[in-house]
mmCIF file of all heavy atoms, coordinates in Angstrom:
data_MODEL
# 
_entry.id   MODEL 
# 
loop_
_atom_site.group_PDB 
_atom_site.id 
_atom_site.type_symbol 
_atom_site.label_atom_id 
_atom_site.label_alt_id 
_atom_site.label_comp_id 
_atom_site.label_asym_id 
_atom_site.label_entity_id 
_atom_site.label_seq_id 
_atom_site.pdbx_PDB_ins_code 
_atom_site.Cartn_x 
_atom_site.Cartn_y 
_atom_site.Cartn_z 
_atom_site.occupancy 
_atom_site.B_iso_or_equiv 
_atom_site.pdbx_formal_charge 
_atom_site.auth_seq_id 
_atom_site.auth_comp_id 
_atom_site.auth_asym_id 
_atom_site.auth_atom_id 
_atom_site.pdbx_PDB_model_num 
ATOM 1   N N   . ILE A 1 1  ? -6.814  -3.882  4.035  1.00 0.00 ? 1  ILE A N   1 
ATOM 2   C CA  . ILE A 1 1  ? -5.949  -3.748  2.652  1.00 0.00 ? 1  ILE A CA  1 
ATOM 3   C C   . ILE A 1 1  ? -4.537  -3.077  3.044  1.00 0.00 ? 1  ILE A C   1 
ATOM 4   O O   . ILE A 1 1  ? -3.544  -3.750  2.595  1.00 0.00 ? 1  ILE A O   1 
ATOM 5   C CB  . ILE A 1 1  ? -6.721  -2.900  1.688  1.00 0.00 ? 1  ILE A CB  1 
ATOM 6   C CG1 . ILE A 1 1  ? -7.966  -3.555  1.271  1.00 0.00 ? 1  ILE A CG1 1 
ATOM 7   C CG2 . ILE A 1 1  ? -5.903  -2.705  0.488  1.00 0.00 ? 1  ILE A CG2 1 
ATOM 8   C CD1 . ILE A 1 1  ? -8.940  -2.669  0.448  1.00 0.00 ? 1  ILE A CD1 1 
ATOM 9   N N   . LEU A 1 2  ? -4.559  -2.230  3.928  1.00 0.00 ? 2  LEU A N   1 
ATOM 10  C CA  . LEU A 1 2  ? -3.216  -1.602  4.227  1.00 0.00 ? 2  LEU A CA  1 
ATOM 11  C C   . LEU A 1 2  ? -2.430  -2.541  5.119  1.00 0.00 ? 2  LEU A C   1 
ATOM 12  O O   . LEU A 1 2  ? -1.196  -2.637  4.954  1.00 0.00 ? 2  LEU A O   1 
ATOM 13  C CB  . LEU A 1 2  ? -3.518  -0.259  5.014  1.00 0.00 ? 2  LEU A CB  1 
ATOM 14  C CG  . LEU A 1 2  ? -4.003  0.859   4.102  1.00 0.00 ? 2  LEU A CG  1 
ATOM 15  C CD1 . LEU A 1 2  ? -4.408  2.096   5.049  1.00 0.00 ? 2  LEU A CD1 1 
ATOM 16  C CD2 . LEU A 1 2  ? -2.981  1.360   3.145  1.00 0.00 ? 2  LEU A CD2 1 
ATOM 17  N N   . PHE A 1 3  ? -3.158  -3.321  5.844  1.00 0.00 ? 3  PHE A N   1 
ATOM 18  C CA  . PHE A 1 3  ? -2.344  -4.385  6.702  1.00 0.00 ? 3  PHE A CA  1 
ATOM 19  C C   . PHE A 1 3  ? -1.707  -5.396  5.824  1.00 0.00 ? 3  PHE A C   1 
ATOM 20  O O   . PHE A 1 3  ? -0.498  -5.792  6.084  1.00 0.00 ? 3  PHE A O   1 
ATOM 21  C CB  . PHE A 1 3  ? -3.385  -5.031  7.624  1.00 0.00 ? 3  PHE A CB  1 
ATOM 22  C CG  . PHE A 1 3  ? -2.756  -6.220  8.412  1.00 0.00 ? 3  PHE A CG  1 
ATOM 23  C CD1 . PHE A 1 3  ? -2.097  -5.901  9.584  1.00 0.00 ? 3  PHE A CD1 1 
ATOM 24  C CD2 . PHE A 1 3  ? -2.823  -7.482  7.940  1.00 0.00 ? 3  PHE A CD2 1 
ATOM 25  C CE1 . PHE A 1 3  ? -1.370  -6.947  10.272 1.00 0.00 ? 3  PHE A CE1 1 
ATOM 26  C CE2 . PHE A 1 3  ? -2.319  -8.531  8.681  1.00 0.00 ? 3  PHE A CE2 1 
ATOM 27  C CZ  . PHE A 1 3  ? -1.521  -8.184  9.800  1.00 0.00 ? 3  PHE A CZ  1 
ATOM 28  N N   . ILE A 1 4  ? -2.451  -5.793  4.779  1.00 0.00 ? 4  ILE A N   1 
ATOM 29  C CA  . ILE A 1 4  ? -1.794  -6.732  3.784  1.00 0.00 ? 4  ILE A CA  1 
ATOM 30  C C   . ILE A 1 4  ? -0.602  -6.075  3.054  1.00 0.00 ? 4  ILE A C   1 
ATOM 31  O O   . ILE A 1 4  ? 0.437   -6.839  2.915  1.00 0.00 ? 4  ILE A O   1 
ATOM 32  C CB  . ILE A 1 4  ? -2.982  -7.253  2.823  1.00 0.00 ? 4  ILE A CB  1 
ATOM 33  C CG1 . ILE A 1 4  ? -3.892  -8.140  3.472  1.00 0.00 ? 4  ILE A CG1 1 
ATOM 34  C CG2 . ILE A 1 4  ? -2.259  -8.032  1.689  1.00 0.00 ? 4  ILE A CG2 1 
ATOM 35  C CD1 . ILE A 1 4  ? -5.195  -8.514  2.646  1.00 0.00 ? 4  ILE A CD1 1 
ATOM 36  N N   . ILE A 1 5  ? -0.840  -4.921  2.657  1.00 0.00 ? 5  ILE A N   1 
ATOM 37  C CA  . ILE A 1 5  ? 0.259   -4.216  2.036  1.00 0.00 ? 5  ILE A CA  1 
ATOM 38  C C   . ILE A 1 5  ? 1.493   -4.079  2.840  1.00 0.00 ? 5  ILE A C   1 
ATOM 39  O O   . ILE A 1 5  ? 2.569   -4.326  2.373  1.00 0.00 ? 5  ILE A O   1 
ATOM 40  C CB  . ILE A 1 5  ? -0.192  -2.949  1.506  1.00 0.00 ? 5  ILE A CB  1 
ATOM 41  C CG1 . ILE A 1 5  ? -1.216  -3.014  0.360  1.00 0.00 ? 5  ILE A CG1 1 
ATOM 42  C CG2 . ILE A 1 5  ? 0.984   -1.999  0.989  1.00 0.00 ? 5  ILE A CG2 1 
ATOM 43  C CD1 . ILE A 1 5  ? -1.860  -1.683  -0.119 1.00 0.00 ? 5  ILE A CD1 1 
ATOM 44  N N   . ARG A 1 6  ? 1.233   -3.731  4.210  1.00 0.00 ? 6  ARG A N   1 
ATOM 45  C CA  . ARG A 1 6  ? 2.480   -3.544  4.941  1.00 0.00 ? 6  ARG A CA  1 
ATOM 46  C C   . ARG A 1 6  ? 3.055   -4.677  5.378  1.00 0.00 ? 6  ARG A C   1 
ATOM 47  O O   . ARG A 1 6  ? 4.297   -4.669  5.804  1.00 0.00 ? 6  ARG A O   1 
ATOM 48  C CB  . ARG A 1 6  ? 1.773   -2.751  6.158  1.00 0.00 ? 6  ARG A CB  1 
ATOM 49  C CG  . ARG A 1 6  ? 1.193   -1.420  5.963  1.00 0.00 ? 6  ARG A CG  1 
ATOM 50  C CD  . ARG A 1 6  ? 2.009   -0.351  5.330  1.00 0.00 ? 6  ARG A CD  1 
ATOM 51  N NE  . ARG A 1 6  ? 3.192   -0.007  6.238  1.00 0.00 ? 6  ARG A NE  1 
ATOM 52  C CZ  . ARG A 1 6  ? 4.234   0.765   5.777  1.00 0.00 ? 6  ARG A CZ  1 
ATOM 53  N NH1 . ARG A 1 6  ? 4.136   1.257   4.561  1.00 0.00 ? 6  ARG A NH1 1 
ATOM 54  N NH2 . ARG A 1 6  ? 5.121   1.159   6.547  1.00 0.00 ? 6  ARG A NH2 1 
ATOM 55  N N   . ASN A 1 7  ? 2.335   -5.869  5.431  1.00 0.00 ? 7  ASN A N   1 
ATOM 56  C CA  . ASN A 1 7  ? 3.028   -7.059  5.831  1.00 0.00 ? 7  ASN A CA  1 
ATOM 57  C C   . ASN A 1 7  ? 3.424   -8.102  4.886  1.00 0.00 ? 7  ASN A C   1 
ATOM 58  O O   . ASN A 1 7  ? 4.111   -9.007  5.051  1.00 0.00 ? 7  ASN A O   1 
ATOM 59  C CB  . ASN A 1 7  ? 2.019   -7.745  6.951  1.00 0.00 ? 7  ASN A CB  1 
ATOM 60  C CG  . ASN A 1 7  ? 2.048   -6.953  8.137  1.00 0.00 ? 7  ASN A CG  1 
ATOM 61  O OD1 . ASN A 1 7  ? 2.699   -7.154  9.046  1.00 0.00 ? 7  ASN A OD1 1 
ATOM 62  N ND2 . ASN A 1 7  ? 0.959   -6.149  8.269  1.00 0.00 ? 7  ASN A ND2 1 
ATOM 63  N N   . TYR A 1 8  ? 2.973   -7.999  3.559  1.00 0.00 ? 8  TYR A N   1 
ATOM 64  C CA  . TYR A 1 8  ? 3.209   -8.969  2.540  1.00 0.00 ? 8  TYR A CA  1 
ATOM 65  C C   . TYR A 1 8  ? 3.691   -8.443  1.264  1.00 0.00 ? 8  TYR A C   1 
ATOM 66  O O   . TYR A 1 8  ? 3.641   -8.983  0.177  1.00 0.00 ? 8  TYR A O   1 
ATOM 67  C CB  . TYR A 1 8  ? 1.892   -9.725  2.318  1.00 0.00 ? 8  TYR A CB  1 
ATOM 68  C CG  . TYR A 1 8  ? 1.413   -10.442 3.400  1.00 0.00 ? 8  TYR A CG  1 
ATOM 69  C CD1 . TYR A 1 8  ? 0.302   -10.048 4.187  1.00 0.00 ? 8  TYR A CD1 1 
ATOM 70  C CD2 . TYR A 1 8  ? 1.766   -11.818 3.821  1.00 0.00 ? 8  TYR A CD2 1 
ATOM 71  C CE1 . TYR A 1 8  ? -0.253  -10.707 5.373  1.00 0.00 ? 8  TYR A CE1 1 
ATOM 72  C CE2 . TYR A 1 8  ? 1.405   -12.418 4.808  1.00 0.00 ? 8  TYR A CE2 1 
ATOM 73  C CZ  . TYR A 1 8  ? 0.356   -11.948 5.601  1.00 0.00 ? 8  TYR A CZ  1 
ATOM 74  O OH  . TYR A 1 8  ? -0.101  -12.601 6.777  1.00 0.00 ? 8  TYR A OH  1 
ATOM 75  N N   . SER A 1 9  ? 4.379   -7.250  1.293  1.00 0.00 ? 9  SER A N   1 
ATOM 76  C CA  . SER A 1 9  ? 5.076   -6.671  0.235  1.00 0.00 ? 9  SER A CA  1 
ATOM 77  C C   . SER A 1 9  ? 6.404   -6.064  0.442  1.00 0.00 ? 9  SER A C   1 
ATOM 78  O O   . SER A 1 9  ? 6.666   -5.588  1.628  1.00 0.00 ? 9  SER A O   1 
ATOM 79  C CB  . SER A 1 9  ? 4.121   -5.518  -0.303 1.00 0.00 ? 9  SER A CB  1 
ATOM 80  O OG  . SER A 1 9  ? 4.783   -4.857  -1.447 1.00 0.00 ? 9  SER A OG  1 
ATOM 81  N N   . GLU A 1 10 ? 7.272   -6.067  -0.556 1.00 0.00 ? 10 GLU A N   1 
ATOM 82  C CA  . GLU A 1 10 ? 8.572   -5.379  -0.461 1.00 0.00 ? 10 GLU A CA  1 
ATOM 83  C C   . GLU A 1 10 ? 8.436   -4.031  -0.606 1.00 0.00 ? 10 GLU A C   1 
ATOM 84  O O   . GLU A 1 10 ? 9.190   -3.165  0.094  1.00 0.00 ? 10 GLU A O   1 
ATOM 85  C CB  . GLU A 1 10 ? 9.497   -6.084  -1.488 1.00 0.00 ? 10 GLU A CB  1 
ATOM 86  C CG  . GLU A 1 10 ? 9.706   -7.587  -1.289 1.00 0.00 ? 10 GLU A CG  1 
ATOM 87  C CD  . GLU A 1 10 ? 10.601  -8.040  -2.456 1.00 0.00 ? 10 GLU A CD  1 
ATOM 88  O OE1 . GLU A 1 10 ? 11.062  -7.254  -3.224 1.00 0.00 ? 10 GLU A OE1 1 
ATOM 89  O OE2 . GLU A 1 10 ? 10.778  -9.316  -2.361 1.00 0.00 ? 10 GLU A OE2 1 
ATOM 90  N N   . ASP A 1 11 ? 7.452   -3.518  -1.521 1.00 0.00 ? 11 ASP A N   1 
ATOM 91  C CA  . ASP A 1 11 ? 7.456   -2.124  -1.811 1.00 0.00 ? 11 ASP A CA  1 
ATOM 92  C C   . ASP A 1 11 ? 6.263   -1.598  -0.972 1.00 0.00 ? 11 ASP A C   1 
ATOM 93  O O   . ASP A 1 11 ? 5.203   -1.009  -1.528 1.00 0.00 ? 11 ASP A O   1 
ATOM 94  C CB  . ASP A 1 11 ? 6.994   -1.907  -3.340 1.00 0.00 ? 11 ASP A CB  1 
ATOM 95  C CG  . ASP A 1 11 ? 8.338   -2.202  -4.059 1.00 0.00 ? 11 ASP A CG  1 
ATOM 96  O OD1 . ASP A 1 11 ? 9.487   -1.750  -3.802 1.00 0.00 ? 11 ASP A OD1 1 
ATOM 97  O OD2 . ASP A 1 11 ? 8.225   -3.004  -5.071 1.00 0.00 ? 11 ASP A OD2 1 
ATOM 98  N N   . LYS A 1 12 ? 6.365   -1.591  0.302  1.00 0.00 ? 12 LYS A N   1 
ATOM 99  C CA  . LYS A 1 12 ? 5.281   -1.129  1.260  1.00 0.00 ? 12 LYS A CA  1 
ATOM 100 C C   . LYS A 1 12 ? 5.039   0.346   0.902  1.00 0.00 ? 12 LYS A C   1 
ATOM 101 O O   . LYS A 1 12 ? 3.807   0.679   0.987  1.00 0.00 ? 12 LYS A O   1 
ATOM 102 C CB  . LYS A 1 12 ? 5.748   -1.187  2.675  1.00 0.00 ? 12 LYS A CB  1 
ATOM 103 C CG  . LYS A 1 12 ? 6.052   -2.737  3.100  1.00 0.00 ? 12 LYS A CG  1 
ATOM 104 C CD  . LYS A 1 12 ? 6.567   -2.809  4.494  1.00 0.00 ? 12 LYS A CD  1 
ATOM 105 C CE  . LYS A 1 12 ? 7.018   -4.162  4.726  1.00 0.00 ? 12 LYS A CE  1 
ATOM 106 N NZ  . LYS A 1 12 ? 7.608   -4.366  6.165  1.00 0.00 ? 12 LYS A NZ  1 
ATOM 107 N N   . LYS A 1 13 ? 6.007   1.209   0.872  1.00 0.00 ? 13 LYS A N   1 
ATOM 108 C CA  . LYS A 1 13 ? 5.672   2.646   0.766  1.00 0.00 ? 13 LYS A CA  1 
ATOM 109 C C   . LYS A 1 13 ? 5.103   2.947   -0.566 1.00 0.00 ? 13 LYS A C   1 
ATOM 110 O O   . LYS A 1 13 ? 4.085   3.772   -0.529 1.00 0.00 ? 13 LYS A O   1 
ATOM 111 C CB  . LYS A 1 13 ? 6.989   3.351   0.866  1.00 0.00 ? 13 LYS A CB  1 
ATOM 112 C CG  . LYS A 1 13 ? 6.867   4.950   0.855  1.00 0.00 ? 13 LYS A CG  1 
ATOM 113 C CD  . LYS A 1 13 ? 8.263   5.606   1.002  1.00 0.00 ? 13 LYS A CD  1 
ATOM 114 C CE  . LYS A 1 13 ? 8.113   7.139   1.024  1.00 0.00 ? 13 LYS A CE  1 
ATOM 115 N NZ  . LYS A 1 13 ? 9.395   7.862   1.118  1.00 0.00 ? 13 LYS A NZ  1 
ATOM 116 N N   . PHE A 1 14 ? 5.609   2.354   -1.650 1.00 0.00 ? 14 PHE A N   1 
ATOM 117 C CA  . PHE A 1 14 ? 4.993   2.652   -2.910 1.00 0.00 ? 14 PHE A CA  1 
ATOM 118 C C   . PHE A 1 14 ? 3.518   2.231   -3.060 1.00 0.00 ? 14 PHE A C   1 
ATOM 119 O O   . PHE A 1 14 ? 2.667   2.888   -3.427 1.00 0.00 ? 14 PHE A O   1 
ATOM 120 C CB  . PHE A 1 14 ? 5.682   1.830   -4.015 1.00 0.00 ? 14 PHE A CB  1 
ATOM 121 C CG  . PHE A 1 14 ? 5.154   1.857   -5.319 1.00 0.00 ? 14 PHE A CG  1 
ATOM 122 C CD1 . PHE A 1 14 ? 5.024   3.053   -6.145 1.00 0.00 ? 14 PHE A CD1 1 
ATOM 123 C CD2 . PHE A 1 14 ? 4.447   0.720   -5.816 1.00 0.00 ? 14 PHE A CD2 1 
ATOM 124 C CE1 . PHE A 1 14 ? 4.410   2.955   -7.427 1.00 0.00 ? 14 PHE A CE1 1 
ATOM 125 C CE2 . PHE A 1 14 ? 3.744   0.667   -7.092 1.00 0.00 ? 14 PHE A CE2 1 
ATOM 126 C CZ  . PHE A 1 14 ? 3.810   1.797   -7.857 1.00 0.00 ? 14 PHE A CZ  1 
ATOM 127 N N   . LEU A 1 15 ? 3.251   0.930   -2.534 1.00 0.00 ? 15 LEU A N   1 
ATOM 128 C CA  . LEU A 1 15 ? 1.921   0.470   -2.594 1.00 0.00 ? 15 LEU A CA  1 
ATOM 129 C C   . LEU A 1 15 ? 0.989   1.139   -1.772 1.00 0.00 ? 15 LEU A C   1 
ATOM 130 O O   . LEU A 1 15 ? -0.246  1.293   -2.054 1.00 0.00 ? 15 LEU A O   1 
ATOM 131 C CB  . LEU A 1 15 ? 1.913   -1.060  -2.370 1.00 0.00 ? 15 LEU A CB  1 
ATOM 132 C CG  . LEU A 1 15 ? 2.557   -1.919  -3.293 1.00 0.00 ? 15 LEU A CG  1 
ATOM 133 C CD1 . LEU A 1 15 ? 2.573   -3.465  -2.943 1.00 0.00 ? 15 LEU A CD1 1 
ATOM 134 C CD2 . LEU A 1 15 ? 1.820   -1.827  -4.659 1.00 0.00 ? 15 LEU A CD2 1 
ATOM 135 N N   . THR A 1 16 ? 1.379   1.569   -0.519 1.00 0.00 ? 16 THR A N   1 
ATOM 136 C CA  . THR A 1 16 ? 0.570   2.413   0.487  1.00 0.00 ? 16 THR A CA  1 
ATOM 137 C C   . THR A 1 16 ? 0.102   3.705   -0.360 1.00 0.00 ? 16 THR A C   1 
ATOM 138 O O   . THR A 1 16 ? -1.074  4.117   -0.300 1.00 0.00 ? 16 THR A O   1 
ATOM 139 C CB  . THR A 1 16 ? 1.292   2.712   1.669  1.00 0.00 ? 16 THR A CB  1 
ATOM 140 O OG1 . THR A 1 16 ? 1.534   1.533   2.310  1.00 0.00 ? 16 THR A OG1 1 
ATOM 141 C CG2 . THR A 1 16 ? 0.406   3.596   2.556  1.00 0.00 ? 16 THR A CG2 1 
ATOM 142 N N   . ASN A 1 17 ? 1.186   4.399   -0.996 1.00 0.00 ? 17 ASN A N   1 
ATOM 143 C CA  . ASN A 1 17 ? 0.841   5.566   -1.638 1.00 0.00 ? 17 ASN A CA  1 
ATOM 144 C C   . ASN A 1 17 ? -0.050  5.372   -2.874 1.00 0.00 ? 17 ASN A C   1 
ATOM 145 O O   . ASN A 1 17 ? -0.925  6.208   -3.056 1.00 0.00 ? 17 ASN A O   1 
ATOM 146 C CB  . ASN A 1 17 ? 2.254   6.194   -2.203 1.00 0.00 ? 17 ASN A CB  1 
ATOM 147 C CG  . ASN A 1 17 ? 3.007   6.833   -1.063 1.00 0.00 ? 17 ASN A CG  1 
ATOM 148 O OD1 . ASN A 1 17 ? 2.507   7.162   -0.119 1.00 0.00 ? 17 ASN A OD1 1 
ATOM 149 N ND2 . ASN A 1 17 ? 4.406   6.895   -1.289 1.00 0.00 ? 17 ASN A ND2 1 
ATOM 150 N N   . ILE A 1 18 ? 0.162   4.366   -3.570 1.00 0.00 ? 18 ILE A N   1 
ATOM 151 C CA  . ILE A 1 18 ? -0.685  4.181   -4.868 1.00 0.00 ? 18 ILE A CA  1 
ATOM 152 C C   . ILE A 1 18 ? -2.039  3.712   -4.445 1.00 0.00 ? 18 ILE A C   1 
ATOM 153 O O   . ILE A 1 18 ? -2.981  4.178   -5.132 1.00 0.00 ? 18 ILE A O   1 
ATOM 154 C CB  . ILE A 1 18 ? -0.058  2.972   -5.700 1.00 0.00 ? 18 ILE A CB  1 
ATOM 155 C CG1 . ILE A 1 18 ? -0.345  3.271   -7.177 1.00 0.00 ? 18 ILE A CG1 1 
ATOM 156 C CG2 . ILE A 1 18 ? -0.531  1.642   -5.421 1.00 0.00 ? 18 ILE A CG2 1 
ATOM 157 C CD1 . ILE A 1 18 ? 0.182   4.610   -7.830 1.00 0.00 ? 18 ILE A CD1 1 
ATOM 158 N N   . PHE A 1 19 ? -2.292  2.942   -3.435 1.00 0.00 ? 19 PHE A N   1 
ATOM 159 C CA  . PHE A 1 19 ? -3.579  2.721   -2.867 1.00 0.00 ? 19 PHE A CA  1 
ATOM 160 C C   . PHE A 1 19 ? -4.369  3.861   -2.456 1.00 0.00 ? 19 PHE A C   1 
ATOM 161 O O   . PHE A 1 19 ? -5.511  4.193   -2.911 1.00 0.00 ? 19 PHE A O   1 
ATOM 162 C CB  . PHE A 1 19 ? -3.591  1.650   -1.774 1.00 0.00 ? 19 PHE A CB  1 
ATOM 163 C CG  . PHE A 1 19 ? -4.872  1.456   -1.149 1.00 0.00 ? 19 PHE A CG  1 
ATOM 164 C CD1 . PHE A 1 19 ? -5.881  0.866   -1.817 1.00 0.00 ? 19 PHE A CD1 1 
ATOM 165 C CD2 . PHE A 1 19 ? -5.109  1.905   0.017  1.00 0.00 ? 19 PHE A CD2 1 
ATOM 166 C CE1 . PHE A 1 19 ? -7.193  0.608   -1.170 1.00 0.00 ? 19 PHE A CE1 1 
ATOM 167 C CE2 . PHE A 1 19 ? -6.321  1.713   0.846  1.00 0.00 ? 19 PHE A CE2 1 
ATOM 168 C CZ  . PHE A 1 19 ? -7.418  1.121   0.026  1.00 0.00 ? 19 PHE A CZ  1 
ATOM 169 N N   . LEU A 1 20 ? -3.611  4.745   -1.727 1.00 0.00 ? 20 LEU A N   1 
ATOM 170 C CA  . LEU A 1 20 ? -4.285  6.008   -1.184 1.00 0.00 ? 20 LEU A CA  1 
ATOM 171 C C   . LEU A 1 20 ? -4.677  6.978   -2.287 1.00 0.00 ? 20 LEU A C   1 
ATOM 172 O O   . LEU A 1 20 ? -5.651  7.598   -2.298 1.00 0.00 ? 20 LEU A O   1 
ATOM 173 C CB  . LEU A 1 20 ? -3.461  6.673   -0.051 1.00 0.00 ? 20 LEU A CB  1 
ATOM 174 C CG  . LEU A 1 20 ? -3.271  5.839   1.200  1.00 0.00 ? 20 LEU A CG  1 
ATOM 175 C CD1 . LEU A 1 20 ? -2.270  6.498   2.156  1.00 0.00 ? 20 LEU A CD1 1 
ATOM 176 C CD2 . LEU A 1 20 ? -4.751  5.594   1.951  1.00 0.00 ? 20 LEU A CD2 1 
ATOM 177 N N   . ILE A 1 21 ? -3.684  7.089   -3.177 1.00 0.00 ? 21 ILE A N   1 
ATOM 178 C CA  . ILE A 1 21 ? -3.894  7.933   -4.400 1.00 0.00 ? 21 ILE A CA  1 
ATOM 179 C C   . ILE A 1 21 ? -5.217  7.399   -5.185 1.00 0.00 ? 21 ILE A C   1 
ATOM 180 O O   . ILE A 1 21 ? -6.004  8.233   -5.574 1.00 0.00 ? 21 ILE A O   1 
ATOM 181 C CB  . ILE A 1 21 ? -2.559  8.075   -5.258 1.00 0.00 ? 21 ILE A CB  1 
ATOM 182 C CG1 . ILE A 1 21 ? -1.526  8.970   -4.447 1.00 0.00 ? 21 ILE A CG1 1 
ATOM 183 C CG2 . ILE A 1 21 ? -2.974  8.789   -6.581 1.00 0.00 ? 21 ILE A CG2 1 
ATOM 184 C CD1 . ILE A 1 21 ? -0.179  8.860   -5.082 1.00 0.00 ? 21 ILE A CD1 1 
ATOM 185 N N   . ALA A 1 22 ? -5.122  6.208   -5.442 1.00 0.00 ? 22 ALA A N   1 
ATOM 186 C CA  . ALA A 1 22 ? -6.156  5.631   -6.280 1.00 0.00 ? 22 ALA A CA  1 
ATOM 187 C C   . ALA A 1 22 ? -7.511  5.813   -5.519 1.00 0.00 ? 22 ALA A C   1 
ATOM 188 O O   . ALA A 1 22 ? -8.526  6.140   -6.137 1.00 0.00 ? 22 ALA A O   1 
ATOM 189 C CB  . ALA A 1 22 ? -5.836  4.119   -6.497 1.00 0.00 ? 22 ALA A CB  1 
ATOM 190 N N   . LEU A 1 23 ? -7.563  5.708   -4.104 1.00 0.00 ? 23 LEU A N   1 
ATOM 191 C CA  . LEU A 1 23 ? -8.760  5.716   -3.265 1.00 0.00 ? 23 LEU A CA  1 
ATOM 192 C C   . LEU A 1 23 ? -9.314  7.296   -3.314 1.00 0.00 ? 23 LEU A C   1 
ATOM 193 O O   . LEU A 1 23 ? -10.366 7.553   -3.478 1.00 0.00 ? 23 LEU A O   1 
ATOM 194 C CB  . LEU A 1 23 ? -8.526  5.254   -1.934 1.00 0.00 ? 23 LEU A CB  1 
ATOM 195 C CG  . LEU A 1 23 ? -9.642  5.436   -1.009 1.00 0.00 ? 23 LEU A CG  1 
ATOM 196 C CD1 . LEU A 1 23 ? -10.829 4.504   -1.422 1.00 0.00 ? 23 LEU A CD1 1 
ATOM 197 C CD2 . LEU A 1 23 ? -9.250  4.858   0.470  1.00 0.00 ? 23 LEU A CD2 1 
ATOM 198 N N   . LEU A 1 24 ? -8.372  8.264   -3.257 1.00 0.00 ? 24 LEU A N   1 
ATOM 199 C CA  . LEU A 1 24 ? -8.696  9.624   -3.182 1.00 0.00 ? 24 LEU A CA  1 
ATOM 200 C C   . LEU A 1 24 ? -9.196  10.034  -4.579 1.00 0.00 ? 24 LEU A C   1 
ATOM 201 O O   . LEU A 1 24 ? -10.375 10.815  -4.630 1.00 0.00 ? 24 LEU A O   1 
ATOM 202 C CB  . LEU A 1 24 ? -7.442  10.565  -2.982 1.00 0.00 ? 24 LEU A CB  1 
ATOM 203 C CG  . LEU A 1 24 ? -7.015  10.492  -1.444 1.00 0.00 ? 24 LEU A CG  1 
ATOM 204 C CD1 . LEU A 1 24 ? -5.690  11.262  -1.348 1.00 0.00 ? 24 LEU A CD1 1 
ATOM 205 C CD2 . LEU A 1 24 ? -8.100  11.349  -0.581 1.00 0.00 ? 24 LEU A CD2 1 
# 
């Protein structure tokens, strides 16, 4: 999931943060 976010999104930092926050 993080690989897809990092490679297929303009907002990599935002989406990484939002995924990890949602997961926690």
